[in-house]
Amino acid sequence: RELLLRGCEGLETLPEGMGRLISLEKFIIMDCPKLTF
């Protein structure tokens, strides 16, 4: 339901299958400068 990614400066990509997380209500990304899309 919730995924928080904060201060993960090296994080570059997210898996393409993220769209299968059908129950995801809250998704927060903060301070992850290499994650651009």
PDB file of all heavy atoms in Angstrom:
ATOM      1  N   ARG A   1       0.813  -1.219   0.000  1.00  0.00           N
ATOM      2  CA  ARG A   1       0.000   0.000   0.000  1.00  0.00           C
ATOM      3  C   ARG A   1       0.846   1.268   0.000  1.00  0.00           C
ATOM      4  O   ARG A   1       0.436   2.284  -0.526  1.00  0.00           O
ATOM      5  CB  ARG A   1      -0.930   0.040   1.212  1.00  0.00           C
ATOM      6  CG  ARG A   1      -2.017  -1.008   1.210  1.00  0.00           C
ATOM      7  CD  ARG A   1      -2.921  -0.913   2.439  1.00  0.00           C
ATOM      8  NE  ARG A   1      -2.201  -1.188   3.692  1.00  0.00           N
ATOM      9  CZ  ARG A   1      -1.780  -0.281   4.567  1.00  0.00           C
ATOM     10  NH1 ARG A   1      -1.999   0.990   4.371  1.00  0.00           N
ATOM     11  NH2 ARG A   1      -1.135  -0.632   5.663  1.00  0.00           N
ATOM     12  N   GLU A   2       2.026   1.208   0.642  1.00  0.00           N
ATOM     13  CA  GLU A   2       2.872   2.391   0.770  1.00  0.00           C
ATOM     14  C   GLU A   2       4.317   2.052   0.411  1.00  0.00           C
ATOM     15  O   GLU A   2       4.855   1.055   0.878  1.00  0.00           O
ATOM     16  CB  GLU A   2       2.843   2.928   2.203  1.00  0.00           C
ATOM     17  CG  GLU A   2       1.498   3.409   2.652  1.00  0.00           C
ATOM     18  CD  GLU A   2       1.526   3.964   4.071  1.00  0.00           C
ATOM     19  OE1 GLU A   2       2.595   4.385   4.556  1.00  0.00           O
ATOM     20  OE2 GLU A   2       0.455   3.974   4.701  1.00  0.00           O
ATOM     21  N   LEU A   3       4.925   2.927  -0.381  1.00  0.00           N
ATOM     22  CA  LEU A   3       6.332   2.799  -0.736  1.00  0.00           C
ATOM     23  C   LEU A   3       6.969   4.180  -0.620  1.00  0.00           C
ATOM     24  O   LEU A   3       6.539   5.125  -1.277  1.00  0.00           O
ATOM     25  CB  LEU A   3       6.488   2.252  -2.156  1.00  0.00           C
ATOM     26  CG  LEU A   3       7.904   2.115  -2.702  1.00  0.00           C
ATOM     27  CD1 LEU A   3       8.763   1.201  -1.821  1.00  0.00           C
ATOM     28  CD2 LEU A   3       7.879   1.601  -4.132  1.00  0.00           C
ATOM     29  N   LEU A   4       7.969   4.283   0.250  1.00  0.00           N
ATOM     30  CA  LEU A   4       8.681   5.542   0.461  1.00  0.00           C
ATOM     31  C   LEU A   4      10.152   5.328   0.146  1.00  0.00           C
ATOM     32  O   LEU A   4      10.783   4.417   0.686  1.00  0.00           O
ATOM     33  CB  LEU A   4       8.526   6.018   1.911  1.00  0.00           C
ATOM     34  CG  LEU A   4       9.410   7.194   2.332  1.00  0.00           C
ATOM     35  CD1 LEU A   4       8.955   8.482   1.681  1.00  0.00           C
ATOM     36  CD2 LEU A   4       9.425   7.341   3.842  1.00  0.00           C
ATOM     37  N   LEU A   5      10.687   6.150  -0.731  1.00  0.00           N
ATOM     38  CA  LEU A   5      12.100   6.140  -1.083  1.00  0.00           C
ATOM     39  C   LEU A   5      12.625   7.547  -0.824  1.00  0.00           C
ATOM     40  O   LEU A   5      12.251   8.488  -1.521  1.00  0.00           O
ATOM     41  CB  LEU A   5      12.287   5.777  -2.564  1.00  0.00           C
ATOM     42  CG  LEU A   5      11.647   4.467  -3.013  1.00  0.00           C
ATOM     43  CD1 LEU A   5      11.661   4.362  -4.530  1.00  0.00           C
ATOM     44  CD2 LEU A   5      12.366   3.289  -2.383  1.00  0.00           C
ATOM     45  N   ARG A   6      13.476   7.692   0.191  1.00  0.00           N
ATOM     46  CA  ARG A   6      13.984   9.032   0.530  1.00  0.00           C
ATOM     47  C   ARG A   6      15.487   8.959   0.797  1.00  0.00           C
ATOM     48  O   ARG A   6      15.952   8.105   1.548  1.00  0.00           O
ATOM     49  CB  ARG A   6      13.264   9.592   1.756  1.00  0.00           C
ATOM     50  CG  ARG A   6      13.686  11.027   2.058  1.00  0.00           C
ATOM     51  CD  ARG A   6      12.896  11.635   3.166  1.00  0.00           C
ATOM     52  NE  ARG A   6      13.430  11.116   4.426  1.00  0.00           N
ATOM     53  CZ  ARG A   6      12.767  11.101   5.570  1.00  0.00           C
ATOM     54  NH1 ARG A   6      11.538  11.531   5.633  1.00  0.00           N
ATOM     55  NH2 ARG A   6      13.327  10.638   6.657  1.00  0.00           N
ATOM     56  N   GLY A   7      16.216   9.860   0.186  1.00  0.00           N
ATOM     57  CA  GLY A   7      17.653   9.919   0.414  1.00  0.00           C
ATOM     58  C   GLY A   7      18.405   8.744  -0.181  1.00  0.00           C
ATOM     59  O   GLY A   7      19.449   8.357   0.323  1.00  0.00           O
ATOM     60  N   CYS A   8      17.875   8.193  -1.248  1.00  0.00           N
ATOM     61  CA  CYS A   8      18.544   7.097  -1.953  1.00  0.00           C
ATOM     62  C   CYS A   8      19.203   7.713  -3.188  1.00  0.00           C
ATOM     63  O   CYS A   8      18.717   7.551  -4.311  1.00  0.00           O
ATOM     64  CB  CYS A   8      17.541   6.000  -2.314  1.00  0.00           C
ATOM     65  SG  CYS A   8      16.720   5.273  -0.878  1.00  0.00           S
ATOM     66  N   GLU A   9      20.295   8.438  -2.948  1.00  0.00           N
ATOM     67  CA  GLU A   9      20.947   9.226  -3.996  1.00  0.00           C
ATOM     68  C   GLU A   9      21.412   8.396  -5.181  1.00  0.00           C
ATOM     69  O   GLU A   9      21.494   8.893  -6.297  1.00  0.00           O
ATOM     70  CB  GLU A   9      22.137  10.011  -3.425  1.00  0.00           C
ATOM     71  CG  GLU A   9      21.763  11.118  -2.478  1.00  0.00           C
ATOM     72  CD  GLU A   9      21.724  10.671  -1.015  1.00  0.00           C
ATOM     73  OE1 GLU A   9      21.911   9.461  -0.742  1.00  0.00           O
ATOM     74  OE2 GLU A   9      21.476  11.516  -0.141  1.00  0.00           O
ATOM     75  N   GLY A  10      21.742   7.141  -4.978  1.00  0.00           N
ATOM     76  CA  GLY A  10      22.222   6.287  -6.053  1.00  0.00           C
ATOM     77  C   GLY A  10      21.121   5.620  -6.858  1.00  0.00           C
ATOM     78  O   GLY A  10      21.388   5.016  -7.900  1.00  0.00           O
ATOM     79  N   LEU A  11      19.884   5.713  -6.412  1.00  0.00           N
ATOM     80  CA  LEU A  11      18.772   5.030  -7.082  1.00  0.00           C
ATOM     81  C   LEU A  11      18.555   5.624  -8.474  1.00  0.00           C
ATOM     82  O   LEU A  11      18.285   6.812  -8.620  1.00  0.00           O
ATOM     83  CB  LEU A  11      17.497   5.162  -6.250  1.00  0.00           C
ATOM     84  CG  LEU A  11      16.308   4.313  -6.677  1.00  0.00           C
ATOM     85  CD1 LEU A  11      16.639   2.835  -6.587  1.00  0.00           C
ATOM     86  CD2 LEU A  11      15.096   4.636  -5.826  1.00  0.00           C
ATOM     87  N   GLU A  12      18.706   4.778  -9.490  1.00  0.00           N
ATOM     88  CA  GLU A  12      18.638   5.233 -10.878  1.00  0.00           C
ATOM     89  C   GLU A  12      17.368   4.804 -11.591  1.00  0.00           C
ATOM     90  O   GLU A  12      16.866   5.521 -12.450  1.00  0.00           O
ATOM     91  CB  GLU A  12      19.847   4.715 -11.661  1.00  0.00           C
ATOM     92  CG  GLU A  12      21.159   5.240 -11.118  1.00  0.00           C
ATOM     93  CD  GLU A  12      22.366   4.609 -11.799  1.00  0.00           C
ATOM     94  OE1 GLU A  12      22.188   3.694 -12.634  1.00  0.00           O
ATOM     95  OE2 GLU A  12      23.489   5.026 -11.470  1.00  0.00           O
ATOM     96  N   THR A  13      16.869   3.616 -11.268  1.00  0.00           N
ATOM     97  CA  THR A  13      15.703   3.102 -11.986  1.00  0.00           C
ATOM     98  C   THR A  13      14.750   2.389 -11.035  1.00  0.00           C
ATOM     99  O   THR A  13      15.133   1.937  -9.965  1.00  0.00           O
ATOM    100  CB  THR A  13      16.105   2.092 -13.089  1.00  0.00           C
ATOM    101  OG1 THR A  13      16.757   0.988 -12.468  1.00  0.00           O
ATOM    102  CG2 THR A  13      16.997   2.724 -14.128  1.00  0.00           C
ATOM    103  N   LEU A  14      13.526   2.286 -11.496  1.00  0.00           N
ATOM    104  CA  LEU A  14      12.513   1.484 -10.819  1.00  0.00           C
ATOM    105  C   LEU A  14      12.122   0.361 -11.776  1.00  0.00           C
ATOM    106  O   LEU A  14      12.158   0.544 -12.998  1.00  0.00           O
ATOM    107  CB  LEU A  14      11.280   2.337 -10.487  1.00  0.00           C
ATOM    108  CG  LEU A  14      11.495   3.470  -9.501  1.00  0.00           C
ATOM    109  CD1 LEU A  14      10.213   4.288  -9.354  1.00  0.00           C
ATOM    110  CD2 LEU A  14      11.931   2.941  -8.150  1.00  0.00           C
ATOM    111  N   PRO A  15      11.732  -0.790 -11.254  1.00  0.00           N
ATOM    112  CA  PRO A  15      11.348  -1.901 -12.145  1.00  0.00           C
ATOM    113  C   PRO A  15      10.131  -1.542 -12.993  1.00  0.00           C
ATOM    114  O   PRO A  15       9.209  -0.862 -12.519  1.00  0.00           O
ATOM    115  CB  PRO A  15      11.006  -3.029 -11.178  1.00  0.00           C
ATOM    116  CG  PRO A  15      11.492  -2.617  -9.846  1.00  0.00           C
ATOM    117  CD  PRO A  15      11.644  -1.141  -9.855  1.00  0.00           C
ATOM    118  N   GLU A  16      10.130  -1.982 -14.221  1.00  0.00           N
ATOM    119  CA  GLU A  16       9.011  -1.719 -15.129  1.00  0.00           C
ATOM    120  C   GLU A  16       7.710  -2.296 -14.579  1.00  0.00           C
ATOM    121  O   GLU A  16       6.635  -1.744 -14.808  1.00  0.00           O
ATOM    122  CB  GLU A  16       9.300  -2.297 -16.517  1.00  0.00           C
ATOM    123  CG  GLU A  16       8.213  -2.046 -17.531  1.00  0.00           C
ATOM    124  CD  GLU A  16       7.825  -0.583 -17.699  1.00  0.00           C
ATOM    125  OE1 GLU A  16       8.710   0.283 -17.747  1.00  0.00           O
ATOM    126  OE2 GLU A  16       6.602  -0.304 -17.768  1.00  0.00           O
ATOM    127  N   GLY A  17       7.777  -3.368 -13.818  1.00  0.00           N
ATOM    128  CA  GLY A  17       6.573  -4.007 -13.290  1.00  0.00           C
ATOM    129  C   GLY A  17       5.893  -3.265 -12.156  1.00  0.00           C
ATOM    130  O   GLY A  17       4.960  -3.789 -11.546  1.00  0.00           O
ATOM    131  N   MET A  18       6.321  -2.048 -11.864  1.00  0.00           N
ATOM    132  CA  MET A  18       5.697  -1.273 -10.779  1.00  0.00           C
ATOM    133  C   MET A  18       4.188  -1.117 -10.997  1.00  0.00           C
ATOM    134  O   MET A  18       3.439  -0.970 -10.042  1.00  0.00           O
ATOM    135  CB  MET A  18       6.344   0.107 -10.670  1.00  0.00           C
ATOM    136  CG  MET A  18       7.788   0.097 -10.217  1.00  0.00           C
ATOM    137  SD  MET A  18       8.000  -0.201  -8.460  1.00  0.00           S
ATOM    138  CE  MET A  18       7.336   1.293  -7.769  1.00  0.00           C
ATOM    139  N   GLY A  19       3.743  -1.179 -12.214  1.00  0.00           N
ATOM    140  CA  GLY A  19       2.317  -1.048 -12.515  1.00  0.00           C
ATOM    141  C   GLY A  19       1.487  -2.216 -12.015  1.00  0.00           C
ATOM    142  O   GLY A  19       0.257  -2.154 -12.009  1.00  0.00           O
ATOM    143  N   ARG A  20       2.132  -3.281 -11.570  1.00  0.00           N
ATOM    144  CA  ARG A  20       1.411  -4.440 -11.036  1.00  0.00           C
ATOM    145  C   ARG A  20       1.111  -4.299  -9.544  1.00  0.00           C
ATOM    146  O   ARG A  20       0.467  -5.173  -8.967  1.00  0.00           O
ATOM    147  CB  ARG A  20       2.212  -5.708 -11.272  1.00  0.00           C
ATOM    148  CG  ARG A  20       2.364  -6.041 -12.735  1.00  0.00           C
ATOM    149  CD  ARG A  20       3.050  -7.342 -12.913  1.00  0.00           C
ATOM    150  NE  ARG A  20       3.237  -7.635 -14.330  1.00  0.00           N
ATOM    151  CZ  ARG A  20       3.920  -8.639 -14.780  1.00  0.00           C
ATOM    152  NH1 ARG A  20       4.488  -9.485 -13.943  1.00  0.00           N
ATOM    153  NH2 ARG A  20       4.061  -8.836 -16.071  1.00  0.00           N
ATOM    154  N   LEU A  21       1.575  -3.229  -8.939  1.00  0.00           N
ATOM    155  CA  LEU A  21       1.331  -3.010  -7.506  1.00  0.00           C
ATOM    156  C   LEU A  21      -0.074  -2.428  -7.333  1.00  0.00           C
ATOM    157  O   LEU A  21      -0.264  -1.254  -7.013  1.00  0.00           O
ATOM    158  CB  LEU A  21       2.399  -2.078  -6.919  1.00  0.00           C
ATOM    159  CG  LEU A  21       3.835  -2.588  -7.032  1.00  0.00           C
ATOM    160  CD1 LEU A  21       4.815  -1.547  -6.513  1.00  0.00           C
ATOM    161  CD2 LEU A  21       3.993  -3.900  -6.281  1.00  0.00           C
ATOM    162  N   ILE A  22      -1.066  -3.259  -7.539  1.00  0.00           N
ATOM    163  CA  ILE A  22      -2.459  -2.830  -7.645  1.00  0.00           C
ATOM    164  C   ILE A  22      -3.027  -2.214  -6.373  1.00  0.00           C
ATOM    165  O   ILE A  22      -4.009  -1.480  -6.425  1.00  0.00           O
ATOM    166  CB  ILE A  22      -3.357  -3.994  -8.104  1.00  0.00           C
ATOM    167  CG1 ILE A  22      -3.220  -5.171  -7.134  1.00  0.00           C
ATOM    168  CG2 ILE A  22      -3.019  -4.400  -9.527  1.00  0.00           C
ATOM    169  CD1 ILE A  22      -4.153  -6.324  -7.400  1.00  0.00           C
ATOM    170  N   SER A  23      -2.416  -2.471  -5.229  1.00  0.00           N
ATOM    171  CA  SER A  23      -2.910  -1.920  -3.967  1.00  0.00           C
ATOM    172  C   SER A  23      -2.174  -0.649  -3.553  1.00  0.00           C
ATOM    173  O   SER A  23      -2.513  -0.052  -2.534  1.00  0.00           O
ATOM    174  CB  SER A  23      -2.773  -2.956  -2.844  1.00  0.00           C
ATOM    175  OG  SER A  23      -3.523  -4.105  -3.139  1.00  0.00           O
ATOM    176  N   LEU A  24      -1.171  -0.235  -4.331  1.00  0.00           N
ATOM    177  CA  LEU A  24      -0.355   0.911  -3.958  1.00  0.00           C
ATOM    178  C   LEU A  24      -1.196   2.188  -3.909  1.00  0.00           C
ATOM    179  O   LEU A  24      -1.783   2.593  -4.897  1.00  0.00           O
ATOM    180  CB  LEU A  24       0.812   1.082  -4.938  1.00  0.00           C
ATOM    181  CG  LEU A  24       1.935   2.001  -4.489  1.00  0.00           C
ATOM    182  CD1 LEU A  24       2.625   1.453  -3.243  1.00  0.00           C
ATOM    183  CD2 LEU A  24       2.957   2.188  -5.605  1.00  0.00           C
ATOM    184  N   GLU A  25      -1.258   2.772  -2.712  1.00  0.00           N
ATOM    185  CA  GLU A  25      -2.020   4.000  -2.488  1.00  0.00           C
ATOM    186  C   GLU A  25      -1.121   5.212  -2.306  1.00  0.00           C
ATOM    187  O   GLU A  25      -1.502   6.328  -2.627  1.00  0.00           O
ATOM    188  CB  GLU A  25      -2.895   3.854  -1.237  1.00  0.00           C
ATOM    189  CG  GLU A  25      -3.916   2.762  -1.315  1.00  0.00           C
ATOM    190  CD  GLU A  25      -4.651   2.550   0.004  1.00  0.00           C
ATOM    191  OE1 GLU A  25      -4.260   3.143   1.029  1.00  0.00           O
ATOM    192  OE2 GLU A  25      -5.619   1.779  -0.002  1.00  0.00           O
ATOM    193  N   LYS A  26       0.061   4.974  -1.743  1.00  0.00           N
ATOM    194  CA  LYS A  26       0.953   6.072  -1.390  1.00  0.00           C
ATOM    195  C   LYS A  26       2.355   5.748  -1.891  1.00  0.00           C
ATOM    196  O   LYS A  26       2.933   4.731  -1.521  1.00  0.00           O
ATOM    197  CB  LYS A  26       0.950   6.243   0.134  1.00  0.00           C
ATOM    198  CG  LYS A  26       1.693   7.420   0.649  1.00  0.00           C
ATOM    199  CD  LYS A  26       1.511   7.484   2.168  1.00  0.00           C
ATOM    200  CE  LYS A  26       2.157   8.696   2.761  1.00  0.00           C
ATOM    201  NZ  LYS A  26       1.957   8.751   4.212  1.00  0.00           N
ATOM    202  N   PHE A  27       2.897   6.621  -2.746  1.00  0.00           N
ATOM    203  CA  PHE A  27       4.230   6.428  -3.312  1.00  0.00           C
ATOM    204  C   PHE A  27       4.970   7.752  -3.216  1.00  0.00           C
ATOM    205  O   PHE A  27       4.582   8.738  -3.835  1.00  0.00           O
ATOM    206  CB  PHE A  27       4.107   5.966  -4.766  1.00  0.00           C
ATOM    207  CG  PHE A  27       5.422   5.700  -5.437  1.00  0.00           C
ATOM    208  CD1 PHE A  27       6.405   4.957  -4.821  1.00  0.00           C
ATOM    209  CD2 PHE A  27       5.665   6.180  -6.714  1.00  0.00           C
ATOM    210  CE1 PHE A  27       7.617   4.699  -5.450  1.00  0.00           C
ATOM    211  CE2 PHE A  27       6.858   5.927  -7.355  1.00  0.00           C
ATOM    212  CZ  PHE A  27       7.836   5.182  -6.723  1.00  0.00           C
ATOM    213  N   ILE A  28       6.016   7.777  -2.400  1.00  0.00           N
ATOM    214  CA  ILE A  28       6.763   9.019  -2.161  1.00  0.00           C
ATOM    215  C   ILE A  28       8.231   8.806  -2.515  1.00  0.00           C
ATOM    216  O   ILE A  28       8.856   7.853  -2.047  1.00  0.00           O
ATOM    217  CB  ILE A  28       6.627   9.474  -0.695  1.00  0.00           C
ATOM    218  CG1 ILE A  28       5.154   9.756  -0.390  1.00  0.00           C
ATOM    219  CG2 ILE A  28       7.489  10.700  -0.421  1.00  0.00           C
ATOM    220  CD1 ILE A  28       4.867  10.103   1.056  1.00  0.00           C
ATOM    221  N   ILE A  29       8.752   9.693  -3.336  1.00  0.00           N
ATOM    222  CA  ILE A  29      10.167   9.704  -3.696  1.00  0.00           C
ATOM    223  C   ILE A  29      10.699  11.086  -3.320  1.00  0.00           C
ATOM    224  O   ILE A  29      10.177  12.102  -3.789  1.00  0.00           O
ATOM    225  CB  ILE A  29      10.381   9.495  -5.205  1.00  0.00           C
ATOM    226  CG1 ILE A  29       9.742   8.199  -5.668  1.00  0.00           C
ATOM    227  CG2 ILE A  29      11.866   9.525  -5.538  1.00  0.00           C
ATOM    228  CD1 ILE A  29       9.725   8.042  -7.168  1.00  0.00           C
ATOM    229  N   MET A  30      11.732  11.108  -2.480  1.00  0.00           N
ATOM    230  CA  MET A  30      12.345  12.377  -2.080  1.00  0.00           C
ATOM    231  C   MET A  30      13.862  12.220  -2.080  1.00  0.00           C
ATOM    232  O   MET A  30      14.374  11.187  -1.635  1.00  0.00           O
ATOM    233  CB  MET A  30      11.875  12.778  -0.679  1.00  0.00           C
ATOM    234  CG  MET A  30      10.385  13.024  -0.569  1.00  0.00           C
ATOM    235  SD  MET A  30       9.837  13.302   1.132  1.00  0.00           S
ATOM    236  CE  MET A  30      10.790  14.729   1.575  1.00  0.00           C
ATOM    237  N   ASP A  31      14.551  13.222  -2.556  1.00  0.00           N
ATOM    238  CA  ASP A  31      16.017  13.255  -2.524  1.00  0.00           C
ATOM    239  C   ASP A  31      16.646  12.036  -3.190  1.00  0.00           C
ATOM    240  O   ASP A  31      17.548  11.408  -2.639  1.00  0.00           O
ATOM    241  CB  ASP A  31      16.519  13.403  -1.085  1.00  0.00           C
ATOM    242  CG  ASP A  31      15.980  14.647  -0.407  1.00  0.00           C
ATOM    243  OD1 ASP A  31      15.881  15.690  -1.089  1.00  0.00           O
ATOM    244  OD2 ASP A  31      15.650  14.581   0.788  1.00  0.00           O
ATOM    245  N   CYS A  32      16.128  11.704  -4.351  1.00  0.00           N
ATOM    246  CA  CYS A  32      16.683  10.625  -5.182  1.00  0.00           C
ATOM    247  C   CYS A  32      17.001  11.249  -6.540  1.00  0.00           C
ATOM    248  O   CYS A  32      16.273  11.032  -7.518  1.00  0.00           O
ATOM    249  CB  CYS A  32      15.681   9.483  -5.320  1.00  0.00           C
ATOM    250  SG  CYS A  32      15.175   8.730  -3.765  1.00  0.00           S
ATOM    251  N   PRO A  33      18.068  12.063  -6.626  1.00  0.00           N
ATOM    252  CA  PRO A  33      18.327  12.882  -7.815  1.00  0.00           C
ATOM    253  C   PRO A  33      18.600  12.110  -9.100  1.00  0.00           C
ATOM    254  O   PRO A  33      18.357  12.635 -10.192  1.00  0.00           O
ATOM    255  CB  PRO A  33      19.549  13.719  -7.415  1.00  0.00           C
ATOM    256  CG  PRO A  33      20.221  12.948  -6.330  1.00  0.00           C
ATOM    257  CD  PRO A  33      19.121  12.230  -5.602  1.00  0.00           C
ATOM    258  N   LYS A  34      19.081  10.885  -9.037  1.00  0.00           N
ATOM    259  CA  LYS A  34      19.367  10.115 -10.251  1.00  0.00           C
ATOM    260  C   LYS A  34      18.134   9.431 -10.828  1.00  0.00           C
ATOM    261  O   LYS A  34      18.155   8.948 -11.945  1.00  0.00           O
ATOM    262  CB  LYS A  34      20.451   9.069  -9.975  1.00  0.00           C
ATOM    263  CG  LYS A  34      21.812   9.684  -9.716  1.00  0.00           C
ATOM    264  CD  LYS A  34      22.856   8.611  -9.552  1.00  0.00           C
ATOM    265  CE  LYS A  34      24.218   9.228  -9.313  1.00  0.00           C
ATOM    266  NZ  LYS A  34      25.250   8.207  -9.122  1.00  0.00           N
ATOM    267  N   LEU A  35      17.071   9.399 -10.057  1.00  0.00           N
ATOM    268  CA  LEU A  35      15.828   8.794 -10.521  1.00  0.00           C
ATOM    269  C   LEU A  35      15.049   9.864 -11.279  1.00  0.00           C
ATOM    270  O   LEU A  35      14.418  10.727 -10.679  1.00  0.00           O
ATOM    271  CB  LEU A  35      15.014   8.248  -9.339  1.00  0.00           C
ATOM    272  CG  LEU A  35      13.780   7.443  -9.672  1.00  0.00           C
ATOM    273  CD1 LEU A  35      14.129   6.215 -10.496  1.00  0.00           C
ATOM    274  CD2 LEU A  35      13.068   7.031  -8.394  1.00  0.00           C
ATOM    275  N   THR A  36      15.142   9.828 -12.590  1.00  0.00           N
ATOM    276  CA  THR A  36      14.592  10.920 -13.404  1.00  0.00           C
ATOM    277  C   THR A  36      13.290  10.582 -14.124  1.00  0.00           C
ATOM    278  O   THR A  36      12.666  11.469 -14.695  1.00  0.00           O
ATOM    279  CB  THR A  36      15.634  11.370 -14.444  1.00  0.00           C
ATOM    280  OG1 THR A  36      16.020  10.242 -15.228  1.00  0.00           O
ATOM    281  CG2 THR A  36      16.856  11.974 -13.751  1.00  0.00           C
ATOM    282  N   PHE A  37      12.893   9.314 -14.125  1.00  0.00           N
ATOM    283  CA  PHE A  37      11.610   8.978 -14.744  1.00  0.00           C
ATOM    284  C   PHE A  37      10.998   7.765 -14.061  1.00  0.00           C
ATOM    285  O   PHE A  37      11.685   6.978 -13.418  1.00  0.00           O
ATOM    286  CB  PHE A  37      11.743   8.751 -16.254  1.00  0.00           C
ATOM    287  CG  PHE A  37      12.490   7.497 -16.615  1.00  0.00           C
ATOM    288  CD1 PHE A  37      11.805   6.316 -16.855  1.00  0.00           C
ATOM    289  CD2 PHE A  37      13.876   7.502 -16.722  1.00  0.00           C
ATOM    290  CE1 PHE A  37      12.496   5.153 -17.183  1.00  0.00           C
ATOM    291  CE2 PHE A  37      14.571   6.336 -17.055  1.00  0.00           C
ATOM    292  CZ  PHE A  37      13.872   5.169 -17.282  1.00  0.00           C
TER     293      PHE A  37
END
